[in-house]
Amino acid sequence: MTETLTALRFALDDLEAFGLAAFRAAGADEATAAAVTRAMMHGSRTGIDSHGMRFLPHYVETVELGRCNPHPAMTPHRRFGAVATLDADYGHGALATYRAMDLAMEIAETQGIGAVGVQKSSHFGPAGAFALAAAEKGYIGLVACNTDAYVRLHDGAEGIHGTNPLACAVPSAGERPWLLDMATSSIPRNRVALYQTLGKILPEGVASDSRGVDTTDPAHAEMLAPLGGAFGFKGAGLAGLVEILSAVLTGMQLCFDLAPMFENLDRTRDMGTFVVALRPDAFVDRATFDAGLRRYLDTLRGSAARADCRVLAPGDREWEEADRRATRGAPLAPEAYREYREIAARYGLKMPEPLAD
């Protein structure tokens, strides 16, 4: 393994400004630049660095080489009751999924629930960003998306599923939303790349070599294990659920048919995504909903913890990290910073400056 490298830290506003400028310079329209940067910044703000601004060079390249349409005409069709399908016109997955969630909320406003399947999309970044977009407007948001096959089945030795993320955000009166954002694999795929860049060893039991044998060396990780360790069949089952909702239900490519994420960037991927928005007061009056969620969260956070441990609700860690990063900035791996410099030189952009220690 290489020596551990130290990530540089940057002010959030500077990272955001550079992201917007890079996409505009690469030829993306304003809606694409804003949506992709918004999604990545969610990752960098909340500590999900595997899906944060480190993705900027890759996403810029997908626009430059043609994988993502820089000026998509995204069109809803196949409306049926509370259900719709959105043709993303091969635009970036972040823009497509924000648009899909907006449409789902529009439908839910009158129907109580809105479900939207996305066709002809691409990788979208951190799933929680799009579920959060619903919760911030008072809805419960659900998001599922498949990715290219990199995760073995329980006892398998071949990549069959993607990391197939699943996210849910729930509005909580008087505080930031309850937020679950998880891969159905042991860890997100991009954490392997992040650990390799930083020269860090992977945890035990999360990745396998080409034979399906566990490895802690990210350079030898050819596939990930499903969520659940010895009970990995549960993670594999959840990945299958995501596959059915995001790919089978939308008629898009299955995990093992998708073009690899980091190869052939001139090829579109025909990815599918599935989002749901629920209007809580369509089920029960809002005061009852708010009181029930408050009692649940208060009891959860106040429950007994093991020695030297602390009980947290989903999202608590992310919101605490967001508060820290608001003043301390967000880290960016040295390799990503080198790629930023290449983008800046290519387009004549001003580089963000690292914060002093």
Protein backbone atom coordinates (compact mmCIF):
# COMPACT_ATOMS: atom_id res chain seq x y z
CA MET A 1 0.00 0.00 0.00
CA THR A 2 1.08 3.58 -0.59
CA GLU A 3 1.67 6.06 2.17
CA THR A 4 -1.49 7.74 3.40
CA LEU A 5 -1.94 11.12 1.74
CA THR A 6 -3.54 14.12 3.41
CA ALA A 7 -6.64 15.59 1.84
CA LEU A 8 -6.76 19.36 1.35
CA ARG A 9 -9.70 21.35 2.71
CA PHE A 10 -11.68 23.99 0.84
CA ALA A 11 -14.41 26.47 1.67
CA LEU A 12 -17.79 25.11 0.56
CA ASP A 13 -18.65 28.25 -1.41
CA ASP A 14 -15.38 28.00 -3.34
CA LEU A 15 -15.97 24.36 -4.26
CA GLU A 16 -19.51 25.14 -5.38
CA ALA A 17 -18.41 28.11 -7.49
CA PHE A 18 -15.72 26.07 -9.20
CA GLY A 19 -18.16 23.24 -9.93
CA LEU A 20 -20.64 25.61 -11.58
CA ALA A 21 -17.91 27.30 -13.60
CA ALA A 22 -16.46 23.97 -14.77
CA PHE A 23 -19.78 22.66 -16.08
CA ARG A 24 -20.59 25.92 -17.83
CA ALA A 25 -17.15 25.93 -19.45
CA ALA A 26 -17.60 22.33 -20.60
CA GLY A 27 -20.77 23.36 -22.42
CA ALA A 28 -23.51 22.23 -20.03
CA ASP A 29 -26.65 24.31 -19.73
CA GLU A 30 -27.39 26.20 -16.54
CA ALA A 31 -29.91 23.63 -15.28
CA THR A 32 -27.39 20.80 -15.62
CA ALA A 33 -24.57 22.78 -14.01
CA ALA A 34 -26.77 23.76 -11.07
CA ALA A 35 -28.26 20.30 -10.49
CA VAL A 36 -25.03 18.33 -10.69
CA THR A 37 -23.17 20.78 -8.47
CA ARG A 38 -26.05 20.82 -5.98
CA ALA A 39 -26.01 17.02 -5.71
CA MET A 40 -22.23 16.80 -5.31
CA MET A 41 -22.21 19.59 -2.74
CA HIS A 42 -24.76 17.65 -0.69
CA GLY A 43 -22.18 14.87 -0.49
CA SER A 44 -19.31 17.20 0.38
CA ARG A 45 -21.36 19.13 2.95
CA THR A 46 -22.61 16.08 4.82
CA GLY A 47 -19.44 13.99 4.79
CA ILE A 48 -20.40 11.62 1.95
CA ASP A 49 -17.08 12.35 0.25
CA SER A 50 -17.22 9.22 -1.89
CA HIS A 51 -20.06 10.96 -3.79
CA GLY A 52 -19.09 14.58 -3.26
CA MET A 53 -17.07 17.10 -5.24
CA ARG A 54 -14.38 14.53 -5.97
CA PHE A 55 -16.74 13.43 -8.77
CA LEU A 56 -16.46 16.77 -10.58
CA PRO A 57 -13.67 15.73 -13.02
CA HIS A 58 -15.54 12.57 -14.01
CA TYR A 59 -18.85 14.35 -14.53
CA VAL A 60 -17.21 17.12 -16.57
CA GLU A 61 -15.64 14.44 -18.76
CA THR A 62 -19.02 12.76 -19.32
CA VAL A 63 -20.28 16.07 -20.72
CA GLU A 64 -17.15 16.67 -22.80
CA LEU A 65 -17.09 13.18 -24.35
CA GLY A 66 -20.81 12.81 -24.95
CA ARG A 67 -22.14 10.38 -22.37
CA CYS A 68 -24.35 13.10 -20.90
CA ASN A 69 -26.39 15.40 -23.09
CA PRO A 70 -25.38 18.94 -22.04
CA HIS A 71 -28.73 20.42 -23.15
CA PRO A 72 -31.36 17.73 -22.48
CA ALA A 73 -35.05 18.19 -23.18
CA MET A 74 -36.50 16.16 -20.32
CA THR A 75 -40.11 15.23 -20.97
CA PRO A 76 -42.76 13.56 -18.75
CA HIS A 77 -44.91 10.95 -20.47
CA ARG A 78 -47.05 7.88 -19.73
CA ARG A 79 -49.08 9.67 -17.07
CA PHE A 80 -51.46 7.32 -15.27
CA GLY A 81 -53.13 8.44 -12.04
CA ALA A 82 -50.35 9.11 -9.52
CA VAL A 83 -47.68 7.61 -11.79
CA ALA A 84 -45.52 9.12 -14.52
CA THR A 85 -42.39 8.37 -16.51
CA LEU A 86 -39.73 10.97 -17.29
CA ASP A 87 -37.61 10.72 -20.44
CA ALA A 88 -34.27 12.23 -19.36
CA ASP A 89 -32.97 12.57 -22.94
CA TYR A 90 -29.60 11.17 -21.84
CA GLY A 91 -28.98 14.16 -19.59
CA HIS A 92 -27.09 13.96 -16.32
CA GLY A 93 -28.70 11.78 -13.67
CA ALA A 94 -28.69 14.54 -11.06
CA LEU A 95 -30.81 16.86 -13.18
CA ALA A 96 -33.09 13.99 -14.18
CA THR A 97 -33.68 12.89 -10.60
CA TYR A 98 -34.31 16.37 -9.24
CA ARG A 99 -36.80 16.87 -12.09
CA ALA A 100 -38.42 13.52 -11.34
CA MET A 101 -38.79 14.37 -7.66
CA ASP A 102 -40.30 17.75 -8.55
CA LEU A 103 -42.81 15.94 -10.74
CA ALA A 104 -43.54 13.37 -8.03
CA MET A 105 -44.26 16.17 -5.54
CA GLU A 106 -46.49 17.93 -8.04
CA ILE A 107 -48.52 14.74 -8.46
CA ALA A 108 -48.58 14.06 -4.70
CA GLU A 109 -49.99 17.51 -4.03
CA THR A 110 -53.35 16.36 -5.39
CA GLN A 111 -53.02 12.56 -5.24
CA GLY A 112 -51.27 12.17 -1.87
CA ILE A 113 -48.54 10.10 -3.53
CA GLY A 114 -46.50 10.54 -6.70
CA ALA A 115 -44.26 7.89 -8.26
CA VAL A 116 -42.00 8.66 -11.20
CA GLY A 117 -39.76 6.35 -13.19
CA VAL A 118 -36.85 7.88 -15.08
CA GLN A 119 -35.61 6.60 -18.43
CA LYS A 120 -32.41 7.37 -20.40
CA SER A 121 -30.52 8.72 -17.41
CA SER A 122 -26.98 8.38 -16.02
CA HIS A 123 -25.14 8.22 -12.69
CA PHE A 124 -26.67 10.74 -10.30
CA GLY A 125 -24.33 11.00 -7.29
CA PRO A 126 -25.57 10.77 -3.67
CA ALA A 127 -29.11 9.36 -3.57
CA GLY A 128 -29.93 11.21 -0.37
CA ALA A 129 -29.67 14.56 -2.15
CA PHE A 130 -32.86 13.85 -4.10
CA ALA A 131 -34.83 12.37 -1.22
CA LEU A 132 -33.84 15.45 0.79
CA ALA A 133 -35.26 17.71 -1.92
CA ALA A 134 -38.69 16.26 -1.09
CA ALA A 135 -38.32 16.46 2.70
CA GLU A 136 -37.27 20.09 2.51
CA LYS A 137 -40.68 20.81 0.96
CA GLY A 138 -42.64 18.78 3.49
CA TYR A 139 -42.88 15.45 1.64
CA ILE A 140 -41.43 12.05 2.38
CA GLY A 141 -39.02 11.25 -0.45
CA LEU A 142 -37.86 7.82 -1.63
CA VAL A 143 -35.17 7.23 -4.26
CA ALA A 144 -33.75 4.05 -5.83
CA CYS A 145 -31.28 3.58 -8.69
CA ASN A 146 -29.25 0.71 -10.08
CA THR A 147 -25.60 0.93 -11.17
CA ASP A 148 -23.24 -1.24 -13.19
CA ALA A 149 -22.49 -4.71 -11.80
CA TYR A 150 -19.73 -4.58 -9.19
CA VAL A 151 -21.29 -6.39 -6.24
CA ARG A 152 -21.26 -10.16 -5.82
CA LEU A 153 -24.18 -12.12 -4.51
CA HIS A 154 -24.05 -13.75 -1.09
CA ASP A 155 -21.51 -16.59 -1.53
CA GLY A 156 -21.02 -15.42 -5.13
CA ALA A 157 -17.78 -14.75 -6.99
CA GLU A 158 -19.08 -12.56 -9.81
CA GLY A 159 -20.41 -9.02 -9.95
CA ILE A 160 -24.17 -9.24 -10.55
CA HIS A 161 -25.71 -6.18 -8.85
CA GLY A 162 -24.55 -2.62 -8.64
CA THR A 163 -24.20 -0.81 -5.32
CA ASN A 164 -27.88 0.01 -5.98
CA PRO A 165 -28.48 2.86 -3.53
CA LEU A 166 -31.71 3.43 -1.63
CA ALA A 167 -32.52 6.69 0.12
CA CYS A 168 -35.39 8.11 2.15
CA ALA A 169 -35.87 11.52 3.76
CA VAL A 170 -38.66 12.48 6.16
CA PRO A 171 -39.52 16.04 7.23
CA SER A 172 -39.20 16.57 10.97
CA ALA A 173 -40.83 19.68 12.44
CA GLY A 174 -38.35 22.05 14.05
CA GLU A 175 -35.21 20.21 12.91
CA ARG A 176 -33.48 18.89 9.84
CA PRO A 177 -34.96 15.80 8.19
CA TRP A 178 -34.52 12.17 9.14
CA LEU A 179 -32.26 11.02 6.32
CA LEU A 180 -31.34 7.48 5.31
CA ASP A 181 -28.89 7.16 2.41
CA MET A 182 -27.42 3.70 1.92
CA ALA A 183 -25.86 1.44 -0.65
CA THR A 184 -27.16 -2.11 -0.68
CA SER A 185 -23.53 -3.20 -0.94
CA SER A 186 -21.19 -3.37 2.05
CA ILE A 187 -19.78 0.06 1.15
CA PRO A 188 -20.23 2.39 -1.84
CA ARG A 189 -18.07 1.53 -4.84
CA ASN A 190 -16.50 4.95 -4.94
CA ARG A 191 -15.20 4.54 -1.40
CA VAL A 192 -12.79 1.96 -2.80
CA ALA A 193 -11.40 4.55 -5.22
CA LEU A 194 -11.29 7.14 -2.43
CA TYR A 195 -9.39 4.79 -0.11
CA GLN A 196 -6.93 3.91 -2.88
CA THR A 197 -6.31 7.58 -3.59
CA LEU A 198 -5.70 8.25 0.11
CA GLY A 199 -3.61 5.10 0.59
CA LYS A 200 -5.99 3.66 3.19
CA ILE A 201 -6.79 0.01 3.97
CA LEU A 202 -10.39 -1.14 3.48
CA PRO A 203 -12.36 -2.60 6.42
CA GLU A 204 -12.55 -6.37 6.67
CA GLY A 205 -15.25 -8.20 4.74
CA VAL A 206 -16.38 -5.42 2.40
CA ALA A 207 -14.50 -6.20 -0.83
CA SER A 208 -13.28 -9.23 -2.75
CA ASP A 209 -10.64 -10.01 -5.35
CA SER A 210 -11.42 -11.56 -8.74
CA ARG A 211 -12.01 -14.98 -7.11
CA GLY A 212 -14.47 -13.66 -4.56
CA VAL A 213 -11.88 -13.86 -1.76
CA ASP A 214 -11.97 -11.00 0.76
CA THR A 215 -9.29 -8.32 0.48
CA THR A 216 -8.53 -5.11 2.36
CA ASP A 217 -6.31 -3.70 -0.41
CA PRO A 218 -8.38 -1.35 -2.59
CA ALA A 219 -5.99 -1.97 -5.49
CA HIS A 220 -7.05 -5.63 -5.49
CA ALA A 221 -10.77 -5.05 -4.96
CA GLU A 222 -12.54 -6.41 -8.03
CA MET A 223 -16.00 -6.52 -6.47
CA LEU A 224 -17.87 -5.59 -3.31
CA ALA A 225 -19.70 -7.81 -0.86
CA PRO A 226 -23.46 -7.32 -0.39
CA LEU A 227 -24.66 -5.55 2.74
CA GLY A 228 -25.02 -7.82 5.73
CA GLY A 229 -21.76 -9.73 6.20
CA ALA A 230 -22.64 -13.29 7.17
CA PHE A 231 -26.25 -12.43 6.34
CA GLY A 232 -25.42 -10.88 2.98
CA PHE A 233 -28.42 -12.48 1.33
CA LYS A 234 -30.43 -9.63 2.86
CA GLY A 235 -28.31 -7.00 1.13
CA ALA A 236 -28.47 -8.95 -2.12
CA GLY A 237 -32.27 -9.07 -1.81
CA LEU A 238 -32.47 -5.32 -1.25
CA ALA A 239 -30.24 -4.76 -4.28
CA GLY A 240 -32.65 -6.88 -6.30
CA LEU A 241 -35.58 -4.74 -5.13
CA VAL A 242 -33.77 -1.60 -6.28
CA GLU A 243 -33.00 -3.32 -9.59
CA ILE A 244 -36.66 -4.11 -10.20
CA LEU A 245 -37.92 -0.63 -9.29
CA SER A 246 -35.28 1.37 -11.16
CA ALA A 247 -34.52 -0.80 -14.19
CA VAL A 248 -37.21 -3.43 -14.79
CA LEU A 249 -40.09 -1.04 -14.03
CA THR A 250 -38.65 1.64 -16.32
CA GLY A 251 -37.53 -0.68 -19.13
CA MET A 252 -33.91 0.41 -18.74
CA GLN A 253 -30.66 -1.55 -18.62
CA LEU A 254 -30.05 -4.11 -15.88
CA CYS A 255 -26.89 -3.81 -13.80
CA PHE A 256 -24.92 -6.37 -15.77
CA ASP A 257 -25.93 -4.80 -19.10
CA LEU A 258 -24.92 -1.24 -18.24
CA ALA A 259 -21.82 0.30 -19.80
CA PRO A 260 -19.11 0.56 -17.10
CA MET A 261 -19.18 3.84 -15.26
CA PHE A 262 -15.58 4.86 -15.94
CA GLU A 263 -15.18 3.40 -19.44
CA ASN A 264 -16.38 4.41 -22.91
CA LEU A 265 -17.53 7.85 -21.80
CA ASP A 266 -18.75 8.56 -25.33
CA ARG A 267 -21.51 5.96 -24.80
CA THR A 268 -24.85 6.64 -23.12
CA ARG A 269 -25.90 4.24 -20.37
CA ASP A 270 -29.72 3.95 -20.50
CA MET A 271 -29.99 3.99 -16.71
CA GLY A 272 -33.28 4.04 -14.85
CA THR A 273 -34.24 5.69 -11.56
CA PHE A 274 -37.35 5.46 -9.38
CA VAL A 275 -38.60 8.17 -7.04
CA VAL A 276 -41.64 8.53 -4.79
CA ALA A 277 -43.03 11.55 -2.95
CA LEU A 278 -45.58 11.06 -0.15
CA ARG A 279 -47.67 13.84 1.34
CA PRO A 280 -47.92 13.03 5.07
CA ASP A 281 -51.17 14.92 5.63
CA ALA A 282 -52.86 12.80 2.98
CA PHE A 283 -52.63 9.92 5.48
CA VAL A 284 -53.05 11.64 8.85
CA ASP A 285 -53.35 15.26 9.98
CA ARG A 286 -49.98 17.00 10.10
CA ALA A 287 -49.99 17.62 13.84
CA THR A 288 -50.46 13.90 14.51
CA PHE A 289 -47.68 13.03 12.07
CA ASP A 290 -45.30 15.58 13.57
CA ALA A 291 -46.04 14.43 17.13
CA GLY A 292 -45.56 10.76 16.25
CA LEU A 293 -42.23 11.39 14.53
CA ARG A 294 -41.08 13.62 17.40
CA ARG A 295 -41.89 10.94 20.00
CA TYR A 296 -40.13 8.31 17.90
CA LEU A 297 -36.96 10.36 17.43
CA ASP A 298 -36.83 11.59 21.03
CA THR A 299 -37.18 8.03 22.32
CA LEU A 300 -34.62 6.70 19.85
CA ARG A 301 -32.00 9.32 20.69
CA GLY A 302 -32.67 8.99 24.41
CA SER A 303 -32.44 5.19 24.47
CA ALA A 304 -29.71 3.35 26.36
CA ALA A 305 -26.35 3.14 24.57
CA ARG A 306 -23.39 0.85 25.04
CA ALA A 307 -20.40 2.09 27.04
CA ASP A 308 -18.62 4.97 25.32
CA CYS A 309 -21.18 4.95 22.51
CA ARG A 310 -23.97 7.23 21.40
CA VAL A 311 -27.29 6.46 19.72
CA LEU A 312 -28.01 8.45 16.55
CA ALA A 313 -30.95 8.64 14.18
CA PRO A 314 -30.28 8.37 10.43
CA GLY A 315 -29.01 11.76 9.30
CA ASP A 316 -27.72 12.93 12.70
CA ARG A 317 -24.10 12.24 11.82
CA GLU A 318 -24.49 13.95 8.44
CA TRP A 319 -26.08 17.09 9.91
CA GLU A 320 -23.41 17.36 12.58
CA GLU A 321 -20.73 17.03 9.93
CA ALA A 322 -22.47 19.67 7.82
CA ASP A 323 -22.29 22.08 10.77
CA ARG A 324 -18.57 21.42 11.15
CA ARG A 325 -17.86 21.81 7.46
CA ALA A 326 -19.75 25.09 7.26
CA THR A 327 -16.77 26.65 9.02
CA ARG A 328 -13.94 24.14 8.47
CA GLY A 329 -14.59 23.42 4.81
CA ALA A 330 -14.66 20.07 3.04
CA PRO A 331 -11.76 17.77 2.16
CA LEU A 332 -10.66 17.01 -1.37
CA ALA A 333 -8.21 14.21 -2.09
CA PRO A 334 -4.87 15.28 -3.66
CA GLU A 335 -5.64 13.33 -6.85
CA ALA A 336 -8.95 15.15 -7.26
CA TYR A 337 -7.21 18.48 -6.65
CA ARG A 338 -4.71 17.65 -9.42
CA GLU A 339 -7.64 16.95 -11.76
CA TYR A 340 -9.21 20.27 -10.73
CA ARG A 341 -6.03 22.02 -11.81
CA GLU A 342 -6.24 20.31 -15.20
CA ILE A 343 -9.83 21.52 -15.64
CA ALA A 344 -8.83 25.05 -14.59
CA ALA A 345 -5.95 25.09 -17.09
CA ARG A 346 -8.12 23.67 -19.90
CA TYR A 347 -10.83 26.31 -19.50
CA GLY A 348 -8.96 29.22 -17.97
CA LEU A 349 -10.78 28.99 -14.65
CA LYS A 350 -9.65 30.29 -11.27
CA MET A 351 -8.70 27.46 -8.91
CA PRO A 352 -10.16 27.31 -5.40
CA GLU A 353 -7.47 27.84 -2.78
CA PRO A 354 -6.99 25.33 0.05
CA LEU A 355 -7.83 26.55 3.55
CA ALA A 356 -4.98 27.07 5.99
CA ASP A 357 -4.62 24.41 8.70
